[in-house]
């Protein structure tokens, strides 16, 4: 079992499989993109599978596949099949922009992968295309509806961006009015590949909730697990629910149960902190499984207590893109 130095049980791994993405969302990276990693620097499928197996042995029972956009990686389904073989793994899920998931939806269902988070920052086509700088709205919307109708547990991640998509907050709630999905509104984070500088945000989770309440006054607070990053609510008469994720305010740090591994093999113990070790180098150095476990346990035993503390270790954190951090 993985226990950090603040007595927090670490049982959730966010495993990035690529730093590449086929969208160019303006809050994530500049329009020209970023310097993506060369193929030989990325973890191979075998290395990703090995890391997953070792961490499940150490007590990880939930793995979320992230990117970049995971389905940019052509051998992703092979990796998912491998990870599903780990008997101690209770949940395998994916975060995706839903542009490329279409051909794989049926096999995902067969594999028993039930939880899919769809990153979708607008329900209006023009707004969506302005933010993503790509013409993929129809594909994303169609795949979203397919996932819902095929019975996946779908959560829509909507990052609230001042002067960009605030007008879409109420309209996108129609999805959870008519379908049993969760729409989760995230505070904007500063991981934008250096395209913008800011130290504060207008649309924090309290402002977002106030805005929603102005249209839907009958809102019920739902109970959530202690480790949940979202504060969840139910609107009277709606089939689904919505949540608020204080990703910039960082109110959930005290119960954090997450570990991140980037597509390059960097182990990140806090989203706002720097990488602690690189597993690619350790694995390719022919280290034993015990050596890998000891390296992971070593950095987990030195975690920052909050994202604010971790941020102090990493002056350049705001110059990173979320695609390189690993979601």
Protein backbone atom coordinates (compact mmCIF):
# COMPACT_ATOMS: atom_id res chain seq x y z
CA UNK A 1 0.00 0.00 0.00
CA UNK A 2 1.25 3.47 -0.90
CA UNK A 3 1.07 5.89 2.02
CA UNK A 4 2.58 9.35 1.76
CA UNK A 5 4.32 11.36 4.49
CA UNK A 6 1.01 13.02 5.42
CA UNK A 7 -0.71 9.65 5.98
CA UNK A 8 -2.69 9.86 2.75
CA UNK A 9 -3.37 6.58 0.96
CA UNK A 10 -2.38 6.79 -2.72
CA UNK A 11 -4.58 4.47 -4.76
CA UNK A 12 -5.24 6.48 -7.95
CA UNK A 13 -2.84 6.76 -10.88
CA UNK A 14 -3.24 9.17 -13.76
CA UNK A 15 -1.15 7.58 -16.49
CA UNK A 16 -0.40 9.69 -19.57
CA UNK A 17 0.25 7.74 -22.77
CA UNK A 18 1.20 10.66 -25.04
CA UNK A 19 1.91 14.37 -24.86
CA UNK A 20 0.40 14.92 -28.32
CA UNK A 21 -3.06 16.26 -29.04
CA UNK A 22 -4.99 16.83 -32.27
CA UNK A 23 -6.67 19.97 -30.86
CA UNK A 24 -5.01 23.29 -30.05
CA UNK A 25 -7.16 24.59 -27.20
CA UNK A 26 -6.17 28.17 -26.51
CA UNK A 27 -5.99 27.71 -22.73
CA UNK A 28 -3.65 24.72 -23.06
CA UNK A 29 -1.02 25.71 -25.59
CA UNK A 30 -0.10 28.34 -28.19
CA UNK A 31 -1.66 28.03 -31.66
CA UNK A 32 1.62 26.71 -33.10
CA UNK A 33 1.67 23.96 -30.49
CA UNK A 34 4.55 23.02 -28.19
CA UNK A 35 7.72 21.00 -28.61
CA UNK A 36 6.32 17.48 -28.42
CA UNK A 37 8.56 14.65 -27.23
CA UNK A 38 10.43 12.44 -29.67
CA UNK A 39 9.14 8.89 -29.92
CA UNK A 40 12.20 7.32 -28.27
CA UNK A 41 11.61 9.47 -25.18
CA UNK A 42 8.04 8.23 -24.73
CA UNK A 43 7.27 5.19 -22.63
CA UNK A 44 6.65 2.12 -24.80
CA UNK A 45 3.52 0.02 -24.45
CA UNK A 46 5.54 -2.61 -22.59
CA UNK A 47 6.92 0.01 -20.21
CA UNK A 48 3.48 1.50 -19.56
CA UNK A 49 2.09 -1.98 -18.91
CA UNK A 50 4.96 -2.75 -16.51
CA UNK A 51 4.45 0.49 -14.61
CA UNK A 52 0.74 -0.24 -14.32
CA UNK A 53 1.39 -3.77 -13.06
CA UNK A 54 3.96 -2.63 -10.48
CA UNK A 55 1.75 0.17 -9.15
CA UNK A 56 -1.27 -2.13 -8.83
CA UNK A 57 0.95 -4.41 -6.74
CA UNK A 58 1.73 -1.36 -4.60
CA UNK A 59 -1.93 -0.60 -3.94
CA UNK A 60 -3.11 1.43 -6.91
CA UNK A 61 -6.62 0.21 -7.71
CA UNK A 62 -7.77 2.99 -10.05
CA UNK A 63 -5.97 4.04 -13.24
CA UNK A 64 -7.11 6.86 -15.50
CA UNK A 65 -5.54 7.03 -18.95
CA UNK A 66 -4.76 10.60 -20.01
CA UNK A 67 -2.66 12.54 -22.51
CA UNK A 68 -2.43 14.69 -24.55
CA UNK A 69 -5.22 12.93 -26.33
CA UNK A 70 -4.89 9.19 -25.54
CA UNK A 71 -6.39 7.99 -28.82
CA UNK A 72 -3.66 9.75 -30.79
CA UNK A 73 -1.62 6.76 -29.69
CA UNK A 74 -2.41 4.02 -32.20
CA UNK A 75 -1.60 1.12 -29.86
CA UNK A 76 -3.76 2.42 -27.01
CA UNK A 77 -6.24 -0.46 -27.14
CA UNK A 78 -3.38 -2.96 -26.71
CA UNK A 79 -2.33 -1.14 -23.56
CA UNK A 80 -5.88 -1.13 -22.21
CA UNK A 81 -6.15 -4.88 -22.76
CA UNK A 82 -2.88 -5.38 -20.88
CA UNK A 83 -3.90 -3.19 -17.96
CA UNK A 84 -7.23 -4.97 -17.59
CA UNK A 85 -5.34 -8.18 -16.78
CA UNK A 86 -4.22 -6.78 -13.40
CA UNK A 87 -6.46 -8.48 -10.87
CA UNK A 88 -6.09 -5.80 -8.22
CA UNK A 89 -7.27 -3.04 -10.57
CA UNK A 90 -10.84 -2.07 -9.70
CA UNK A 91 -11.31 0.74 -12.21
CA UNK A 92 -9.75 1.66 -15.56
CA UNK A 93 -11.02 4.89 -17.07
CA UNK A 94 -10.13 7.38 -19.81
CA UNK A 95 -10.10 11.13 -20.28
CA UNK A 96 -10.46 12.09 -23.95
CA UNK A 97 -11.50 14.93 -26.24
CA UNK A 98 -13.75 12.39 -28.02
CA UNK A 99 -12.48 13.21 -31.51
CA UNK A 100 -10.94 9.78 -32.15
CA UNK A 101 -12.77 7.47 -29.75
CA UNK A 102 -15.58 6.54 -32.17
CA UNK A 103 -14.10 3.36 -33.74
CA UNK A 104 -13.18 2.01 -30.29
CA UNK A 105 -16.42 2.55 -28.34
CA UNK A 106 -17.71 -1.00 -28.80
CA UNK A 107 -14.43 -2.62 -27.74
CA UNK A 108 -14.17 -0.33 -24.72
CA UNK A 109 -17.58 -1.60 -23.70
CA UNK A 110 -16.49 -5.21 -24.18
CA UNK A 111 -13.37 -4.62 -22.06
CA UNK A 112 -15.55 -3.37 -19.21
CA UNK A 113 -14.24 0.18 -19.30
CA UNK A 114 -17.24 2.10 -18.06
CA UNK A 115 -15.98 5.54 -17.08
CA UNK A 116 -15.14 8.10 -19.76
CA UNK A 117 -14.45 11.78 -19.14
CA UNK A 118 -15.01 13.96 -22.20
CA UNK A 119 -13.24 17.32 -22.33
CA UNK A 120 -15.75 19.69 -23.91
CA UNK A 121 -15.57 23.38 -23.10
CA UNK A 122 -18.59 24.56 -25.08
CA UNK A 123 -21.91 23.24 -26.32
CA UNK A 124 -22.16 25.93 -28.98
CA UNK A 125 -20.34 24.89 -32.16
CA UNK A 126 -18.80 28.28 -32.91
CA UNK A 127 -17.52 28.66 -29.35
CA UNK A 128 -16.13 25.13 -29.34
CA UNK A 129 -14.25 25.66 -32.60
CA UNK A 130 -12.92 29.03 -31.49
CA UNK A 131 -11.48 27.52 -28.30
CA UNK A 132 -10.10 24.32 -29.87
CA UNK A 133 -8.96 26.00 -33.12
CA UNK A 134 -10.24 22.93 -34.95
CA UNK A 135 -13.41 21.90 -36.84
CA UNK A 136 -14.30 18.77 -34.83
CA UNK A 137 -17.50 19.76 -33.04
CA UNK A 138 -19.85 17.40 -34.89
CA UNK A 139 -17.59 14.39 -34.35
CA UNK A 140 -17.20 15.16 -30.65
CA UNK A 141 -20.92 15.71 -30.12
CA UNK A 142 -21.86 12.52 -31.99
CA UNK A 143 -19.35 10.42 -30.05
CA UNK A 144 -20.54 11.97 -26.79
CA UNK A 145 -24.13 10.95 -27.48
CA UNK A 146 -22.99 7.45 -28.54
CA UNK A 147 -21.14 7.01 -25.26
CA UNK A 148 -24.17 8.13 -23.28
CA UNK A 149 -26.65 5.94 -25.16
CA UNK A 150 -24.36 2.89 -24.87
CA UNK A 151 -24.43 3.18 -21.10
CA UNK A 152 -21.00 4.57 -20.26
CA UNK A 153 -20.62 6.64 -17.11
CA UNK A 154 -19.90 9.93 -18.85
CA UNK A 155 -18.55 13.03 -17.20
CA UNK A 156 -18.09 16.19 -19.24
CA UNK A 157 -15.19 18.40 -18.19
CA UNK A 158 -15.83 22.07 -18.96
CA UNK A 159 -13.10 24.58 -18.10
CA UNK A 160 -14.68 27.97 -17.47
CA UNK A 161 -12.81 30.65 -19.42
CA UNK A 162 -13.51 34.32 -18.86
CA UNK A 163 -14.82 36.11 -21.99
CA UNK A 164 -14.85 32.84 -23.95
CA UNK A 165 -17.41 30.24 -22.88
CA UNK A 166 -19.27 31.54 -19.82
CA UNK A 167 -22.38 31.92 -21.98
CA UNK A 168 -22.31 28.13 -22.54
CA UNK A 169 -22.53 27.19 -18.84
CA UNK A 170 -26.32 27.13 -18.66
CA UNK A 171 -26.88 25.58 -22.14
CA UNK A 172 -24.48 22.68 -21.48
CA UNK A 173 -26.45 21.86 -18.35
CA UNK A 174 -29.22 20.72 -20.71
CA UNK A 175 -27.17 17.56 -21.25
CA UNK A 176 -27.50 16.54 -17.61
CA UNK A 177 -31.12 17.62 -17.62
CA UNK A 178 -31.99 15.08 -20.30
CA UNK A 179 -29.26 12.45 -19.81
CA UNK A 180 -27.77 10.73 -16.72
CA UNK A 181 -24.40 12.42 -17.09
CA UNK A 182 -22.31 14.70 -14.92
CA UNK A 183 -21.17 18.09 -16.21
CA UNK A 184 -18.18 19.27 -14.22
CA UNK A 185 -17.01 22.87 -14.32
CA UNK A 186 -13.30 23.37 -13.70
CA UNK A 187 -11.49 26.49 -12.68
CA UNK A 188 -8.97 27.59 -15.28
CA UNK A 189 -5.43 26.39 -14.56
CA UNK A 190 -2.21 28.12 -15.62
CA UNK A 191 -0.76 25.17 -17.55
CA UNK A 192 -0.96 26.72 -21.00
CA UNK A 193 2.47 26.20 -22.51
CA UNK A 194 3.44 29.77 -21.75
CA UNK A 195 0.64 31.31 -23.82
CA UNK A 196 -0.73 33.35 -20.89
CA UNK A 197 0.32 34.59 -17.46
CA UNK A 198 -2.02 34.95 -14.52
CA UNK A 199 -1.99 34.69 -10.74
CA UNK A 200 -5.74 34.86 -10.12
CA UNK A 201 -8.99 33.91 -11.83
CA UNK A 202 -12.36 35.61 -12.05
CA UNK A 203 -14.37 32.40 -12.42
CA UNK A 204 -13.51 30.43 -9.31
CA UNK A 205 -15.80 27.66 -8.12
CA UNK A 206 -17.86 30.02 -5.94
CA UNK A 207 -18.50 32.40 -8.85
CA UNK A 208 -19.49 29.50 -11.11
CA UNK A 209 -21.97 28.17 -8.53
CA UNK A 210 -23.48 31.62 -8.02
CA UNK A 211 -23.91 31.96 -11.77
CA UNK A 212 -25.71 28.60 -12.03
CA UNK A 213 -27.92 29.38 -9.04
CA UNK A 214 -29.15 32.53 -10.75
CA UNK A 215 -30.91 30.25 -13.26
CA UNK A 216 -31.45 27.13 -11.13
CA UNK A 217 -32.17 28.15 -7.51
CA UNK A 218 -33.31 24.63 -6.52
CA UNK A 219 -29.92 22.95 -6.13
CA UNK A 220 -29.11 20.08 -3.76
CA UNK A 221 -25.59 19.40 -2.51
CA UNK A 222 -24.74 15.73 -3.04
CA UNK A 223 -22.54 13.63 -0.76
CA UNK A 224 -19.11 12.90 -2.27
CA UNK A 225 -16.23 10.63 -1.32
CA UNK A 226 -13.53 12.25 0.82
CA UNK A 227 -11.03 11.96 -2.03
CA UNK A 228 -13.32 13.57 -4.62
CA UNK A 229 -11.93 16.65 -6.36
CA UNK A 230 -15.43 17.81 -7.29
CA UNK A 231 -18.20 19.37 -5.20
CA UNK A 232 -21.35 17.81 -6.65
CA UNK A 233 -24.90 19.09 -6.99
CA UNK A 234 -28.28 17.97 -8.27
CA UNK A 235 -30.76 20.31 -9.95
CA UNK A 236 -34.38 19.44 -9.21
CA UNK A 237 -35.95 17.48 -12.08
CA UNK A 238 -32.68 16.76 -13.90
CA UNK A 239 -31.54 13.22 -14.72
CA UNK A 240 -27.85 13.92 -14.19
CA UNK A 241 -25.86 16.21 -11.95
CA UNK A 242 -23.12 18.80 -12.09
CA UNK A 243 -19.92 19.37 -10.20
CA UNK A 244 -17.39 22.11 -9.48
CA UNK A 245 -13.66 21.35 -9.44
CA UNK A 246 -11.56 23.97 -7.58
CA UNK A 247 -8.45 23.11 -9.58
CA UNK A 248 -6.92 26.57 -9.13
CA UNK A 249 -8.22 27.18 -5.59
CA UNK A 250 -6.96 23.71 -4.57
CA UNK A 251 -9.41 23.09 -1.75
CA UNK A 252 -9.09 19.28 -2.04
CA UNK A 253 -5.34 18.90 -1.39
CA UNK A 254 -5.79 17.54 2.12
CA UNK A 255 -7.34 14.31 0.86
CA UNK A 256 -5.34 13.90 -2.36
CA UNK A 257 -4.93 10.24 -3.34
CA UNK A 258 -3.38 10.81 -6.78
CA UNK A 259 -0.11 10.07 -8.47
CA UNK A 260 0.74 11.22 -12.00
CA UNK A 261 3.12 9.64 -14.47
CA UNK A 262 3.75 11.50 -17.71
CA UNK A 263 4.23 9.96 -21.13
CA UNK A 264 7.97 10.55 -20.65
CA UNK A 265 7.98 8.56 -17.43
CA UNK A 266 8.21 11.52 -15.04
CA UNK A 267 6.58 10.86 -11.67
CA UNK A 268 4.62 13.90 -10.47
CA UNK A 269 3.37 13.73 -6.90
CA UNK A 270 1.46 17.03 -7.20
CA UNK A 271 -0.01 18.68 -10.25
CA UNK A 272 1.57 22.00 -9.28
CA UNK A 273 4.98 20.57 -8.46
CA UNK A 274 7.98 19.44 -10.52
CA UNK A 275 8.73 15.84 -11.57
CA UNK A 276 10.46 13.87 -8.82
CA UNK A 277 12.00 10.91 -10.68
CA UNK A 278 11.96 9.47 -14.18
CA UNK A 279 10.82 5.85 -14.45
CA UNK A 280 11.81 5.55 -18.11
CA UNK A 281 15.46 5.92 -17.18
CA UNK A 282 15.11 3.48 -14.28
CA UNK A 283 13.32 0.82 -16.35
CA UNK A 284 15.70 1.13 -19.29
CA UNK A 285 18.57 0.78 -16.85
CA UNK A 286 17.40 -2.82 -16.30
CA UNK A 287 16.39 -2.13 -12.71
CA UNK A 288 14.52 -4.82 -10.82
CA UNK A 289 10.87 -4.42 -9.92
CA UNK A 290 11.91 -3.88 -6.31
CA UNK A 291 14.19 -1.01 -7.32
CA UNK A 292 11.33 0.60 -9.24
CA UNK A 293 9.00 0.16 -6.26
CA UNK A 294 11.57 1.67 -3.89
CA UNK A 295 12.03 4.68 -6.19
CA UNK A 296 8.29 5.31 -6.31
CA UNK A 297 7.87 4.83 -2.56
CA UNK A 298 10.75 7.23 -1.98
CA UNK A 299 9.11 10.16 -3.74
CA UNK A 300 5.64 9.38 -2.38
CA UNK A 301 7.20 9.62 1.07
CA UNK A 302 8.23 13.22 0.40
CA UNK A 303 5.03 14.75 -0.99
CA UNK A 304 4.09 18.38 -0.51
CA UNK A 305 1.09 18.78 1.74
CA UNK A 306 -0.71 21.15 -0.69
CA UNK A 307 -0.45 22.38 -4.25
CA UNK A 308 0.59 25.79 -2.95
CA UNK A 309 3.57 24.26 -1.17
CA UNK A 310 4.47 22.17 -4.23
CA UNK A 311 4.30 25.24 -6.46
CA UNK A 312 7.12 26.84 -4.47
CA UNK A 313 9.42 24.03 -5.63
CA UNK A 314 8.83 24.77 -9.29
CA UNK A 315 9.24 28.34 -10.53
CA UNK A 316 8.49 27.40 -14.14
CA UNK A 317 5.31 25.44 -13.51
CA UNK A 318 3.11 27.99 -15.27
CA UNK A 319 5.09 27.64 -18.49
CA UNK A 320 4.07 24.00 -18.91
CA UNK A 321 1.22 22.69 -21.01
CA UNK A 322 -1.27 20.26 -19.52
CA UNK A 323 -0.45 17.91 -22.40
CA UNK A 324 3.10 17.56 -21.09
CA UNK A 325 2.08 17.32 -17.42
CA UNK A 326 -0.29 14.45 -18.11
CA UNK A 327 -3.84 15.66 -17.49
